Amino acid sequence: METKKGYKAVAKYLMVSPSKVRPVADLVRGKGYVESVAILEAMPQKGANLILKVLKSAGANALNLNKKLDEESLFISEIKVDEGPRLKRVWARSHGKRDILLKRMSHITVVVDENAKVGK
């Protein structure tokens, strides 16, 4: 999907806590597309794999919608990890009591754009 800021991809309702994904997103924010893909492929975290999928989707959107672009000229202009809805589950405790277990979800948005330095 093309926006005024660049080419965007969104993944919603991912079963991972946003607090676990945000540090991974901070590592690749503002970097080049090829460098970001290499960083995310080398990371063991679940969030890295999810961000990688969204990043590749945004890159594919950019390359398919604009035939003049190549992977080297793309960079991450925006990456957001928002909180989705929470699933409430019951966690059994002693003496017939219970606790509420919150299973958190995330929405990941990645926007890639053409690097101005490459074009000049």
PDB file of N, CA and C in Angstrom:
ATOM      1  N   MET A   1       0.836  -1.160   0.000  1.00  0.00           N
ATOM      2  CA  MET A   1       0.000   0.000   0.000  1.00  0.00           C
ATOM      3  C   MET A   1       0.893   1.238   0.000  1.00  0.00           C
ATOM      4  N   GLU A   2       0.621   2.171  -0.886  1.00  0.00           N
ATOM      5  CA  GLU A   2       1.420   3.388  -0.983  1.00  0.00           C
ATOM      6  C   GLU A   2       0.764   4.500  -0.190  1.00  0.00           C
ATOM      7  N   THR A   3       1.566   5.226   0.576  1.00  0.00           N
ATOM      8  CA  THR A   3       1.092   6.382   1.319  1.00  0.00           C
ATOM      9  C   THR A   3       1.931   7.579   0.912  1.00  0.00           C
ATOM     10  N   LYS A   4       1.604   8.743   1.459  1.00  0.00           N
ATOM     11  CA  LYS A   4       2.393   9.932   1.160  1.00  0.00           C
ATOM     12  C   LYS A   4       3.806   9.821   1.709  1.00  0.00           C
ATOM     13  N   LYS A   5       3.967   9.055   2.792  1.00  0.00           N
ATOM     14  CA  LYS A   5       5.278   8.905   3.415  1.00  0.00           C
ATOM     15  C   LYS A   5       6.124   7.827   2.766  1.00  0.00           C
ATOM     16  N   GLY A   6       5.521   6.906   2.044  1.00  0.00           N
ATOM     17  CA  GLY A   6       6.280   5.809   1.460  1.00  0.00           C
ATOM     18  C   GLY A   6       5.383   4.616   1.200  1.00  0.00           C
ATOM     19  N   TYR A   7       5.944   3.430   1.330  1.00  0.00           N
ATOM     20  CA  TYR A   7       5.225   2.187   1.071  1.00  0.00           C
ATOM     21  C   TYR A   7       5.055   1.450   2.394  1.00  0.00           C
ATOM     22  N   LYS A   8       3.822   1.044   2.684  1.00  0.00           N
ATOM     23  CA  LYS A   8       3.471   0.583   4.023  1.00  0.00           C
ATOM     24  C   LYS A   8       2.996  -0.861   4.016  1.00  0.00           C
ATOM     25  N   ALA A   9       3.275  -1.557   5.116  1.00  0.00           N
ATOM     26  CA  ALA A   9       2.735  -2.891   5.358  1.00  0.00           C
ATOM     27  C   ALA A   9       2.384  -2.982   6.843  1.00  0.00           C
ATOM     28  N   VAL A  10       1.279  -3.679   7.136  1.00  0.00           N
ATOM     29  CA  VAL A  10       0.784  -3.785   8.509  1.00  0.00           C
ATOM     30  C   VAL A  10       0.475  -5.240   8.820  1.00  0.00           C
ATOM     31  N   ALA A  11       0.862  -5.682  10.006  1.00  0.00           N
ATOM     32  CA  ALA A  11       0.459  -7.000  10.514  1.00  0.00           C
ATOM     33  C   ALA A  11      -0.276  -6.762  11.825  1.00  0.00           C
ATOM     34  N   LYS A  12      -1.493  -7.286  11.916  1.00  0.00           N
ATOM     35  CA  LYS A  12      -2.314  -7.043  13.098  1.00  0.00           C
ATOM     36  C   LYS A  12      -2.563  -8.337  13.870  1.00  0.00           C
ATOM     37  N   TYR A  13      -2.870  -8.172  15.128  1.00  0.00           N
ATOM     38  CA  TYR A  13      -3.267  -9.260  16.023  1.00  0.00           C
ATOM     39  C   TYR A  13      -2.205 -10.358  16.135  1.00  0.00           C
ATOM     40  N   LEU A  14      -0.953  -9.953  16.288  1.00  0.00           N
ATOM     41  CA  LEU A  14       0.134 -10.904  16.462  1.00  0.00           C
ATOM     42  C   LEU A  14       0.247 -11.276  17.930  1.00  0.00           C
ATOM     43  N   MET A  15       0.349 -12.568  18.218  1.00  0.00           N
ATOM     44  CA  MET A  15       0.369 -13.039  19.597  1.00  0.00           C
ATOM     45  C   MET A  15       1.766 -12.928  20.210  1.00  0.00           C
ATOM     46  N   VAL A  16       2.179 -11.705  20.436  1.00  0.00           N
ATOM     47  CA  VAL A  16       3.434 -11.420  21.132  1.00  0.00           C
ATOM     48  C   VAL A  16       3.266 -10.065  21.809  1.00  0.00           C
ATOM     49  N   SER A  17       3.837  -9.920  22.980  1.00  0.00           N
ATOM     50  CA  SER A  17       3.702  -8.685  23.732  1.00  0.00           C
ATOM     51  C   SER A  17       4.457  -7.543  23.048  1.00  0.00           C
ATOM     52  N   PRO A  18       3.858  -6.351  22.961  1.00  0.00           N
ATOM     53  CA  PRO A  18       4.556  -5.222  22.337  1.00  0.00           C
ATOM     54  C   PRO A  18       5.860  -4.869  23.042  1.00  0.00           C
ATOM     55  N   SER A  19       5.919  -5.085  24.346  1.00  0.00           N
ATOM     56  CA  SER A  19       7.143  -4.756  25.081  1.00  0.00           C
ATOM     57  C   SER A  19       8.311  -5.661  24.688  1.00  0.00           C
ATOM     58  N   LYS A  20       8.028  -6.834  24.130  1.00  0.00           N
ATOM     59  CA  LYS A  20       9.082  -7.724  23.660  1.00  0.00           C
ATOM     60  C   LYS A  20       9.512  -7.396  22.234  1.00  0.00           C
ATOM     61  N   VAL A  21       8.632  -6.748  21.468  1.00  0.00           N
ATOM     62  CA  VAL A  21       8.930  -6.456  20.065  1.00  0.00           C
ATOM     63  C   VAL A  21       9.594  -5.089  19.907  1.00  0.00           C
ATOM     64  N   ARG A  22       9.266  -4.136  20.769  1.00  0.00           N
ATOM     65  CA  ARG A  22       9.784  -2.765  20.619  1.00  0.00           C
ATOM     66  C   ARG A  22      11.306  -2.668  20.653  1.00  0.00           C
ATOM     67  N   PRO A  23      12.017  -3.382  21.529  1.00  0.00           N
ATOM     68  CA  PRO A  23      13.490  -3.288  21.477  1.00  0.00           C
ATOM     69  C   PRO A  23      14.075  -3.783  20.153  1.00  0.00           C
ATOM     70  N   VAL A  24      13.460  -4.760  19.546  1.00  0.00           N
ATOM     71  CA  VAL A  24      13.919  -5.263  18.245  1.00  0.00           C
ATOM     72  C   VAL A  24      13.659  -4.206  17.175  1.00  0.00           C
ATOM     73  N   ALA A  25      12.497  -3.561  17.244  1.00  0.00           N
ATOM     74  CA  ALA A  25      12.157  -2.518  16.271  1.00  0.00           C
ATOM     75  C   ALA A  25      13.108  -1.332  16.389  1.00  0.00           C
ATOM     76  N   ASP A  26      13.543  -1.024  17.607  1.00  0.00           N
ATOM     77  CA  ASP A  26      14.454   0.098  17.809  1.00  0.00           C
ATOM     78  C   ASP A  26      15.810  -0.134  17.146  1.00  0.00           C
ATOM     79  N   LEU A  27      16.210  -1.391  17.016  1.00  0.00           N
ATOM     80  CA  LEU A  27      17.508  -1.697  16.400  1.00  0.00           C
ATOM     81  C   LEU A  27      17.543  -1.379  14.912  1.00  0.00           C
ATOM     82  N   VAL A  28      16.406  -1.519  14.216  1.00  0.00           N
ATOM     83  CA  VAL A  28      16.410  -1.347  12.759  1.00  0.00           C
ATOM     84  C   VAL A  28      15.765  -0.044  12.305  1.00  0.00           C
ATOM     85  N   ARG A  29      15.225   0.731  13.228  1.00  0.00           N
ATOM     86  CA  ARG A  29      14.561   1.991  12.869  1.00  0.00           C
ATOM     87  C   ARG A  29      15.549   2.949  12.201  1.00  0.00           C
ATOM     88  N   GLY A  30      15.203   3.445  11.002  1.00  0.00           N
ATOM     89  CA  GLY A  30      16.033   4.407  10.285  1.00  0.00           C
ATOM     90  C   GLY A  30      17.154   3.801   9.460  1.00  0.00           C
ATOM     91  N   LYS A  31      17.324   2.502   9.485  1.00  0.00           N
ATOM     92  CA  LYS A  31      18.405   1.859   8.728  1.00  0.00           C
ATOM     93  C   LYS A  31      17.949   1.517   7.312  1.00  0.00           C
ATOM     94  N   GLY A  32      18.879   1.132   6.486  1.00  0.00           N
ATOM     95  CA  GLY A  32      18.584   0.720   5.124  1.00  0.00           C
ATOM     96  C   GLY A  32      17.861  -0.618   5.091  1.00  0.00           C
ATOM     97  N   TYR A  33      17.159  -0.868   4.004  1.00  0.00           N
ATOM     98  CA  TYR A  33      16.344  -2.077   3.868  1.00  0.00           C
ATOM     99  C   TYR A  33      17.211  -3.340   3.923  1.00  0.00           C
ATOM    100  N   VAL A  34      18.264  -3.377   3.137  1.00  0.00           N
ATOM    101  CA  VAL A  34      19.112  -4.578   3.054  1.00  0.00           C
ATOM    102  C   VAL A  34      19.804  -4.839   4.390  1.00  0.00           C
ATOM    103  N   GLU A  35      20.297  -3.786   5.024  1.00  0.00           N
ATOM    104  CA  GLU A  35      20.961  -3.925   6.323  1.00  0.00           C
ATOM    105  C   GLU A  35      19.975  -4.418   7.397  1.00  0.00           C
ATOM    106  N   SER A  36      18.756  -3.896   7.365  1.00  0.00           N
ATOM    107  CA  SER A  36      17.733  -4.293   8.341  1.00  0.00           C
ATOM    108  C   SER A  36      17.352  -5.758   8.185  1.00  0.00           C
ATOM    109  N   VAL A  37      17.214  -6.203   6.949  1.00  0.00           N
ATOM    110  CA  VAL A  37      16.889  -7.613   6.706  1.00  0.00           C
ATOM    111  C   VAL A  37      17.993  -8.509   7.251  1.00  0.00           C
ATOM    112  N   ALA A  38      19.245  -8.127   7.039  1.00  0.00           N
ATOM    113  CA  ALA A  38      20.366  -8.919   7.535  1.00  0.00           C
ATOM    114  C   ALA A  38      20.388  -8.966   9.063  1.00  0.00           C
ATOM    115  N   ILE A  39      20.120  -7.835   9.712  1.00  0.00           N
ATOM    116  CA  ILE A  39      20.095  -7.786  11.177  1.00  0.00           C
ATOM    117  C   ILE A  39      18.990  -8.673  11.719  1.00  0.00           C
ATOM    118  N   LEU A  40      17.786  -8.564  11.154  1.00  0.00           N
ATOM    119  CA  LEU A  40      16.641  -9.313  11.665  1.00  0.00           C
ATOM    120  C   LEU A  40      16.772 -10.815  11.428  1.00  0.00           C
ATOM    121  N   GLU A  41      17.388 -11.207  10.325  1.00  0.00           N
ATOM    122  CA  GLU A  41      17.578 -12.639  10.057  1.00  0.00           C
ATOM    123  C   GLU A  41      18.546 -13.279  11.050  1.00  0.00           C
ATOM    124  N   ALA A  42      19.465 -12.480  11.603  1.00  0.00           N
ATOM    125  CA  ALA A  42      20.461 -13.016  12.528  1.00  0.00           C
ATOM    126  C   ALA A  42      19.979 -13.044  13.972  1.00  0.00           C
ATOM    127  N   MET A  43      18.842 -12.424  14.262  1.00  0.00           N
ATOM    128  CA  MET A  43      18.363 -12.331  15.649  1.00  0.00           C
ATOM    129  C   MET A  43      17.498 -13.535  16.013  1.00  0.00           C
ATOM    130  N   PRO A  44      17.618 -14.035  17.248  1.00  0.00           N
ATOM    131  CA  PRO A  44      16.862 -15.220  17.652  1.00  0.00           C
ATOM    132  C   PRO A  44      15.440 -14.930  18.156  1.00  0.00           C
ATOM    133  N   GLN A  45      15.097 -13.665  18.419  1.00  0.00           N
ATOM    134  CA  GLN A  45      13.800 -13.346  19.021  1.00  0.00           C
ATOM    135  C   GLN A  45      12.642 -13.610  18.073  1.00  0.00           C
ATOM    136  N   LYS A  46      11.498 -13.962  18.656  1.00  0.00           N
ATOM    137  CA  LYS A  46      10.275 -14.168  17.882  1.00  0.00           C
ATOM    138  C   LYS A  46       9.857 -12.869  17.200  1.00  0.00           C
ATOM    139  N   GLY A  47      10.010 -11.748  17.901  1.00  0.00           N
ATOM    140  CA  GLY A  47       9.638 -10.452  17.344  1.00  0.00           C
ATOM    141  C   GLY A  47      10.444 -10.086  16.103  1.00  0.00           C
ATOM    142  N   ALA A  48      11.694 -10.533  16.046  1.00  0.00           N
ATOM    143  CA  ALA A  48      12.534 -10.250  14.879  1.00  0.00           C
ATOM    144  C   ALA A  48      11.960 -10.922  13.634  1.00  0.00           C
ATOM    145  N   ASN A  49      11.485 -12.144  13.783  1.00  0.00           N
ATOM    146  CA  ASN A  49      10.901 -12.853  12.646  1.00  0.00           C
ATOM    147  C   ASN A  49       9.606 -12.173  12.185  1.00  0.00           C
ATOM    148  N   LEU A  50       8.791 -11.711  13.139  1.00  0.00           N
ATOM    149  CA  LEU A  50       7.539 -11.042  12.781  1.00  0.00           C
ATOM    150  C   LEU A  50       7.802  -9.707  12.084  1.00  0.00           C
ATOM    151  N   ILE A  51       8.760  -8.923  12.595  1.00  0.00           N
ATOM    152  CA  ILE A  51       9.104  -7.647  11.958  1.00  0.00           C
ATOM    153  C   ILE A  51       9.695  -7.895  10.583  1.00  0.00           C
ATOM    154  N   LEU A  52      10.487  -8.959  10.449  1.00  0.00           N
ATOM    155  CA  LEU A  52      11.089  -9.292   9.154  1.00  0.00           C
ATOM    156  C   LEU A  52      10.021  -9.565   8.099  1.00  0.00           C
ATOM    157  N   LYS A  53       8.971 -10.289   8.471  1.00  0.00           N
ATOM    158  CA  LYS A  53       7.890 -10.574   7.527  1.00  0.00           C
ATOM    159  C   LYS A  53       7.206  -9.297   7.065  1.00  0.00           C
ATOM    160  N   VAL A  54       6.943  -8.386   8.009  1.00  0.00           N
ATOM    161  CA  VAL A  54       6.275  -7.133   7.663  1.00  0.00           C
ATOM    162  C   VAL A  54       7.206  -6.255   6.819  1.00  0.00           C
ATOM    163  N   LEU A  55       8.481  -6.240   7.163  1.00  0.00           N
ATOM    164  CA  LEU A  55       9.461  -5.452   6.416  1.00  0.00           C
ATOM    165  C   LEU A  55       9.578  -5.948   4.974  1.00  0.00           C
ATOM    166  N   LYS A  56       9.637  -7.263   4.799  1.00  0.00           N
ATOM    167  CA  LYS A  56       9.719  -7.811   3.443  1.00  0.00           C
ATOM    168  C   LYS A  56       8.453  -7.504   2.644  1.00  0.00           C
ATOM    169  N   SER A  57       7.308  -7.499   3.311  1.00  0.00           N
ATOM    170  CA  SER A  57       6.060  -7.155   2.642  1.00  0.00           C
ATOM    171  C   SER A  57       6.063  -5.694   2.193  1.00  0.00           C
ATOM    172  N   ALA A  58       6.529  -4.796   3.058  1.00  0.00           N
ATOM    173  CA  ALA A  58       6.612  -3.383   2.688  1.00  0.00           C
ATOM    174  C   ALA A  58       7.605  -3.183   1.543  1.00  0.00           C
ATOM    175  N   GLY A  59       8.731  -3.906   1.587  1.00  0.00           N
ATOM    176  CA  GLY A  59       9.706  -3.823   0.497  1.00  0.00           C
ATOM    177  C   GLY A  59       9.139  -4.332  -0.814  1.00  0.00           C
ATOM    178  N   ALA A  60       8.362  -5.414  -0.755  1.00  0.00           N
ATOM    179  CA  ALA A  60       7.728  -5.944  -1.957  1.00  0.00           C
ATOM    180  C   ALA A  60       6.703  -4.953  -2.512  1.00  0.00           C
ATOM    181  N   ASN A  61       5.969  -4.301  -1.613  1.00  0.00           N
ATOM    182  CA  ASN A  61       5.019  -3.276  -2.058  1.00  0.00           C
ATOM    183  C   ASN A  61       5.751  -2.160  -2.797  1.00  0.00           C
ATOM    184  N   ALA A  62       6.880  -1.723  -2.261  1.00  0.00           N
ATOM    185  CA  ALA A  62       7.639  -0.641  -2.875  1.00  0.00           C
ATOM    186  C   ALA A  62       8.188  -1.053  -4.239  1.00  0.00           C
ATOM    187  N   LEU A  63       8.738  -2.260  -4.318  1.00  0.00           N
ATOM    188  CA  LEU A  63       9.368  -2.688  -5.566  1.00  0.00           C
ATOM    189  C   LEU A  63       8.340  -2.999  -6.648  1.00  0.00           C
ATOM    190  N   ASN A  64       7.165  -3.508  -6.266  1.00  0.00           N
ATOM    191  CA  ASN A  64       6.156  -3.847  -7.267  1.00  0.00           C
ATOM    192  C   ASN A  64       5.355  -2.640  -7.727  1.00  0.00           C
ATOM    193  N   LEU A  65       5.150  -1.661  -6.851  1.00  0.00           N
ATOM    194  CA  LEU A  65       4.371  -0.483  -7.231  1.00  0.00           C
ATOM    195  C   LEU A  65       5.208   0.555  -7.964  1.00  0.00           C
ATOM    196  N   ASN A  66       6.510   0.561  -7.731  1.00  0.00           N
ATOM    197  CA  ASN A  66       7.389   1.537  -8.372  1.00  0.00           C
ATOM    198  C   ASN A  66       8.556   0.775  -8.998  1.00  0.00           C
ATOM    199  N   LYS A  67       8.534   0.629 -10.305  1.00  0.00           N
ATOM    200  CA  LYS A  67       9.530  -0.191 -11.003  1.00  0.00           C
ATOM    201  C   LYS A  67      10.925   0.432 -11.003  1.00  0.00           C
ATOM    202  N   LYS A  68      11.045   1.728 -10.688  1.00  0.00           N
ATOM    203  CA  LYS A  68      12.345   2.387 -10.709  1.00  0.00           C
ATOM    204  C   LYS A  68      13.174   2.098  -9.456  1.00  0.00           C
ATOM    205  N   LEU A  69      12.535   1.641  -8.397  1.00  0.00           N
ATOM    206  CA  LEU A  69      13.241   1.408  -7.138  1.00  0.00           C
ATOM    207  C   LEU A  69      13.960   0.067  -7.139  1.00  0.00           C
ATOM    208  N   ASP A  70      15.028  -0.017  -6.346  1.00  0.00           N
ATOM    209  CA  ASP A  70      15.661  -1.290  -6.058  1.00  0.00           C
ATOM    210  C   ASP A  70      15.869  -1.370  -4.544  1.00  0.00           C
ATOM    211  N   GLU A  71      16.248  -2.538  -4.053  1.00  0.00           N
ATOM    212  CA  GLU A  71      16.366  -2.754  -2.618  1.00  0.00           C
ATOM    213  C   GLU A  71      17.409  -1.847  -1.976  1.00  0.00           C
ATOM    214  N   GLU A  72      18.451  -1.499  -2.713  1.00  0.00           N
ATOM    215  CA  GLU A  72      19.533  -0.686  -2.157  1.00  0.00           C
ATOM    216  C   GLU A  72      19.083   0.734  -1.849  1.00  0.00           C
ATOM    217  N   SER A  73      18.051   1.224  -2.542  1.00  0.00           N
ATOM    218  CA  SER A  73      17.622   2.609  -2.356  1.00  0.00           C
ATOM    219  C   SER A  73      16.521   2.768  -1.309  1.00  0.00           C
ATOM    220  N   LEU A  74      16.134   1.688  -0.659  1.00  0.00           N
ATOM    221  CA  LEU A  74      15.062   1.757   0.332  1.00  0.00           C
ATOM    222  C   LEU A  74      15.623   1.866   1.751  1.00  0.00           C
ATOM    223  N   PHE A  75      14.898   2.573   2.621  1.00  0.00           N
ATOM    224  CA  PHE A  75      15.226   2.618   4.040  1.00  0.00           C
ATOM    225  C   PHE A  75      13.931   2.635   4.836  1.00  0.00           C
ATOM    226  N   ILE A  76      14.027   2.295   6.112  1.00  0.00           N
ATOM    227  CA  ILE A  76      12.850   2.263   6.972  1.00  0.00           C
ATOM    228  C   ILE A  76      12.590   3.677   7.471  1.00  0.00           C
ATOM    229  N   SER A  77      11.522   4.291   6.990  1.00  0.00           N
ATOM    230  CA  SER A  77      11.205   5.647   7.421  1.00  0.00           C
ATOM    231  C   SER A  77      10.370   5.651   8.695  1.00  0.00           C
ATOM    232  N   GLU A  78       9.615   4.588   8.927  1.00  0.00           N
ATOM    233  CA  GLU A  78       8.782   4.526  10.132  1.00  0.00           C
ATOM    234  C   GLU A  78       8.538   3.066  10.494  1.00  0.00           C
ATOM    235  N   ILE A  79       8.620   2.779  11.783  1.00  0.00           N
ATOM    236  CA  ILE A  79       8.266   1.450  12.271  1.00  0.00           C
ATOM    237  C   ILE A  79       7.575   1.632  13.618  1.00  0.00           C
ATOM    238  N   LYS A  80       6.371   1.089  13.730  1.00  0.00           N
ATOM    239  CA  LYS A  80       5.574   1.243  14.948  1.00  0.00           C
ATOM    240  C   LYS A  80       5.144  -0.130  15.453  1.00  0.00           C
ATOM    241  N   VAL A  81       5.166  -0.284  16.769  1.00  0.00           N
ATOM    242  CA  VAL A  81       4.638  -1.485  17.408  1.00  0.00           C
ATOM    243  C   VAL A  81       3.567  -1.019  18.388  1.00  0.00           C
ATOM    244  N   ASP A  82       2.312  -1.212  18.022  1.00  0.00           N
ATOM    245  CA  ASP A  82       1.195  -0.781  18.848  1.00  0.00           C
ATOM    246  C   ASP A  82       0.605  -1.971  19.588  1.00  0.00           C
ATOM    247  N   GLU A  83      -0.098  -1.659  20.665  1.00  0.00           N
ATOM    248  CA  GLU A  83      -0.728  -2.706  21.450  1.00  0.00           C
ATOM    249  C   GLU A  83      -2.087  -3.045  20.862  1.00  0.00           C
ATOM    250  N   GLY A  84      -2.354  -4.327  20.719  1.00  0.00           N
ATOM    251  CA  GLY A  84      -3.645  -4.803  20.251  1.00  0.00           C
ATOM    252  C   GLY A  84      -4.536  -5.156  21.435  1.00  0.00           C
ATOM    253  N   PRO A  85      -5.617  -5.852  21.194  1.00  0.00           N
ATOM    254  CA  PRO A  85      -6.478  -6.258  22.299  1.00  0.00           C
ATOM    255  C   PRO A  85      -5.805  -7.317  23.168  1.00  0.00           C
ATOM    256  N   ARG A  86      -6.312  -7.469  24.375  1.00  0.00           N
ATOM    257  CA  ARG A  86      -5.759  -8.454  25.305  1.00  0.00           C
ATOM    258  C   ARG A  86      -6.768  -9.575  25.491  1.00  0.00           C
ATOM    259  N   LEU A  87      -6.276 -10.801  25.422  1.00  0.00           N
ATOM    260  CA  LEU A  87      -7.123 -11.944  25.738  1.00  0.00           C
ATOM    261  C   LEU A  87      -7.009 -12.220  27.229  1.00  0.00           C
ATOM    262  N   LYS A  88      -8.131 -12.336  27.896  1.00  0.00           N
ATOM    263  CA  LYS A  88      -8.127 -12.605  29.327  1.00  0.00           C
ATOM    264  C   LYS A  88      -8.365 -14.091  29.554  1.00  0.00           C
ATOM    265  N   ARG A  89      -7.445 -14.715  30.269  1.00  0.00           N
ATOM    266  CA  ARG A  89      -7.536 -16.128  30.551  1.00  0.00           C
ATOM    267  C   ARG A  89      -7.478 -16.342  32.059  1.00  0.00           C
ATOM    268  N   VAL A  90      -8.104 -17.401  32.535  1.00  0.00           N
ATOM    269  CA  VAL A  90      -8.123 -17.704  33.959  1.00  0.00           C
ATOM    270  C   VAL A  90      -6.948 -18.609  34.290  1.00  0.00           C
ATOM    271  N   TRP A  91      -6.281 -18.274  35.359  1.00  0.00           N
ATOM    272  CA  TRP A  91      -5.128 -19.004  35.824  1.00  0.00           C
ATOM    273  C   TRP A  91      -5.478 -19.548  37.208  1.00  0.00           C
ATOM    274  N   ALA A  92      -5.595 -20.859  37.334  1.00  0.00           N
ATOM    275  CA  ALA A  92      -6.025 -21.474  38.587  1.00  0.00           C
ATOM    276  C   ALA A  92      -4.965 -21.300  39.664  1.00  0.00           C
ATOM    277  N   ARG A  93      -5.415 -20.967  40.876  1.00  0.00           N
ATOM    278  CA  ARG A  93      -4.539 -20.810  42.034  1.00  0.00           C
ATOM    279  C   ARG A  93      -5.030 -21.729  43.152  1.00  0.00           C
ATOM    280  N   SER A  94      -4.354 -21.741  44.245  1.00  0.00           N
ATOM    281  CA  SER A  94      -4.715 -22.644  45.343  1.00  0.00           C
ATOM    282  C   SER A  94      -5.991 -22.193  46.050  1.00  0.00           C
ATOM    283  N   HIS A  95      -6.615 -23.133  46.742  1.00  0.00           N
ATOM    284  CA  HIS A  95      -7.829 -22.905  47.521  1.00  0.00           C
ATOM    285  C   HIS A  95      -8.992 -22.430  46.659  1.00  0.00           C
ATOM    286  N   GLY A  96      -9.049 -22.865  45.405  1.00  0.00           N
ATOM    287  CA  GLY A  96     -10.169 -22.531  44.529  1.00  0.00           C
ATOM    288  C   GLY A  96     -10.188 -21.102  44.035  1.00  0.00           C
ATOM    289  N   LYS A  97      -9.085 -20.409  44.192  1.00  0.00           N
ATOM    290  CA  LYS A  97      -9.030 -19.019  43.713  1.00  0.00           C
ATOM    291  C   LYS A  97      -8.470 -18.989  42.300  1.00  0.00           C
ATOM    292  N   ARG A  98      -8.415 -17.784  41.757  1.00  0.00           N
ATOM    293  CA  ARG A  98      -7.910 -17.653  40.393  1.00  0.00           C
ATOM    294  C   ARG A  98      -7.240 -16.305  40.211  1.00  0.00           C
ATOM    295  N   ASP A  99      -6.406 -16.227  39.192  1.00  0.00           N
ATOM    296  CA  ASP A  99      -5.803 -14.981  38.736  1.00  0.00           C
ATOM    297  C   ASP A  99      -6.173 -14.808  37.270  1.00  0.00           C
ATOM    298  N   ILE A 100      -6.083 -13.584  36.802  1.00  0.00           N
ATOM    299  CA  ILE A 100      -6.346 -13.295  35.387  1.00  0.00           C
ATOM    300  C   ILE A 100      -5.004 -13.207  34.662  1.00  0.00           C
ATOM    301  N   LEU A 101      -4.854 -13.995  33.626  1.00  0.00           N
ATOM    302  CA  LEU A 101      -3.660 -13.980  32.794  1.00  0.00           C
ATOM    303  C   LEU A 101      -3.991 -13.201  31.527  1.00  0.00           C
ATOM    304  N   LEU A 102      -3.266 -12.122  31.271  1.00  0.00           N
ATOM    305  CA  LEU A 102      -3.503 -11.306  30.089  1.00  0.00           C
ATOM    306  C   LEU A 102      -2.554 -11.732  28.978  1.00  0.00           C
ATOM    307  N   LYS A 103      -3.106 -12.189  27.879  1.00  0.00           N
ATOM    308  CA  LYS A 103      -2.294 -12.534  26.712  1.00  0.00           C
ATOM    309  C   LYS A 103      -2.347 -11.333  25.771  1.00  0.00           C
ATOM    310  N   ARG A 104      -1.219 -10.675  25.630  1.00  0.00           N
ATOM    311  CA  ARG A 104      -1.170  -9.424  24.881  1.00  0.00           C
ATOM    312  C   ARG A 104      -0.910  -9.675  23.402  1.00  0.00           C
ATOM    313  N   MET A 105      -1.458  -8.770  22.573  1.00  0.00           N
ATOM    314  CA  MET A 105      -1.267  -8.834  21.123  1.00  0.00           C
ATOM    315  C   MET A 105      -0.621  -7.536  20.631  1.00  0.00           C
ATOM    316  N   SER A 106      -0.040  -7.603  19.442  1.00  0.00           N
ATOM    317  CA  SER A 106       0.649  -6.458  18.860  1.00  0.00           C
ATOM    318  C   SER A 106       0.156  -6.192  17.448  1.00  0.00           C
ATOM    319  N   HIS A 107       0.280  -4.931  17.042  1.00  0.00           N
ATOM    320  CA  HIS A 107       0.096  -4.528  15.652  1.00  0.00           C
ATOM    321  C   HIS A 107       1.433  -3.909  15.222  1.00  0.00           C
ATOM    322  N   ILE A 108       2.013  -4.415  14.136  1.00  0.00           N
ATOM    323  CA  ILE A 108       3.291  -3.905  13.647  1.00  0.00           C
ATOM    324  C   ILE A 108       3.064  -3.194  12.317  1.00  0.00           C
ATOM    325  N   THR A 109       3.545  -1.952  12.213  1.00  0.00           N
ATOM    326  CA  THR A 109       3.443  -1.158  10.994  1.00  0.00           C
ATOM    327  C   THR A 109       4.848  -0.769  10.551  1.00  0.00           C
ATOM    328  N   VAL A 110       5.171  -1.029   9.293  1.00  0.00           N
ATOM    329  CA  VAL A 110       6.475  -0.657   8.738  1.00  0.00           C
ATOM    330  C   VAL A 110       6.238   0.164   7.476  1.00  0.00           C
ATOM    331  N   VAL A 111       6.923   1.319   7.391  1.00  0.00           N
ATOM    332  CA  VAL A 111       6.863   2.171   6.205  1.00  0.00           C
ATOM    333  C   VAL A 111       8.276   2.300   5.662  1.00  0.00           C
ATOM    334  N   VAL A 112       8.455   1.918   4.397  1.00  0.00           N
ATOM    335  CA  VAL A 112       9.755   2.099   3.741  1.00  0.00           C
ATOM    336  C   VAL A 112       9.623   3.178   2.682  1.00  0.00           C
ATOM    337  N   ASP A 113      10.705   3.898   2.455  1.00  0.00           N
ATOM    338  CA  ASP A 113      10.696   4.988   1.489  1.00  0.00           C
ATOM    339  C   ASP A 113      12.024   5.003   0.741  1.00  0.00           C
ATOM    340  N   GLU A 114      12.040   5.761  -0.310  1.00  0.00           N
ATOM    341  CA  GLU A 114      13.263   5.877  -1.114  1.00  0.00           C
ATOM    342  C   GLU A 114      14.262   6.763  -0.389  1.00  0.00           C
ATOM    343  N   ASN A 115      15.491   6.338  -0.370  1.00  0.00           N
ATOM    344  CA  ASN A 115      16.550   7.107   0.268  1.00  0.00           C
ATOM    345  C   ASN A 115      16.899   8.294  -0.610  1.00  0.00           C
ATOM    346  N   ALA A 116      16.824   9.525  -0.084  1.00  0.00           N
ATOM    347  CA  ALA A 116      17.090  10.729  -0.881  1.00  0.00           C
ATOM    348  C   ALA A 116      18.542  10.814  -1.300  1.00  0.00           C
ATOM    349  N   LYS A 117      19.464  10.264  -0.494  1.00  0.00           N
ATOM    350  CA  LYS A 117      20.885  10.336  -0.802  1.00  0.00           C
ATOM    351  C   LYS A 117      21.266   9.539  -2.040  1.00  0.00           C
ATOM    352  N   VAL A 118      20.586   8.404  -2.259  1.00  0.00           N
ATOM    353  CA  VAL A 118      20.903   7.535  -3.395  1.00  0.00           C
ATOM    354  C   VAL A 118      20.493   8.201  -4.698  1.00  0.00           C
ATOM    355  N   GLY A 119      19.347   8.898  -4.694  1.00  0.00           N
ATOM    356  CA  GLY A 119      18.842   9.507  -5.909  1.00  0.00           C
ATOM    357  C   GLY A 119      19.651  10.682  -6.393  1.00  0.00           C
ATOM    358  N   LYS A 120      20.425  11.315  -5.497  1.00  0.00           N
ATOM    359  CA  LYS A 120      21.177  12.519  -5.878  1.00  0.00           C
ATOM    360  C   LYS A 120      22.567  12.199  -6.344  1.00  0.00           C
TER     361      LYS A 120
END
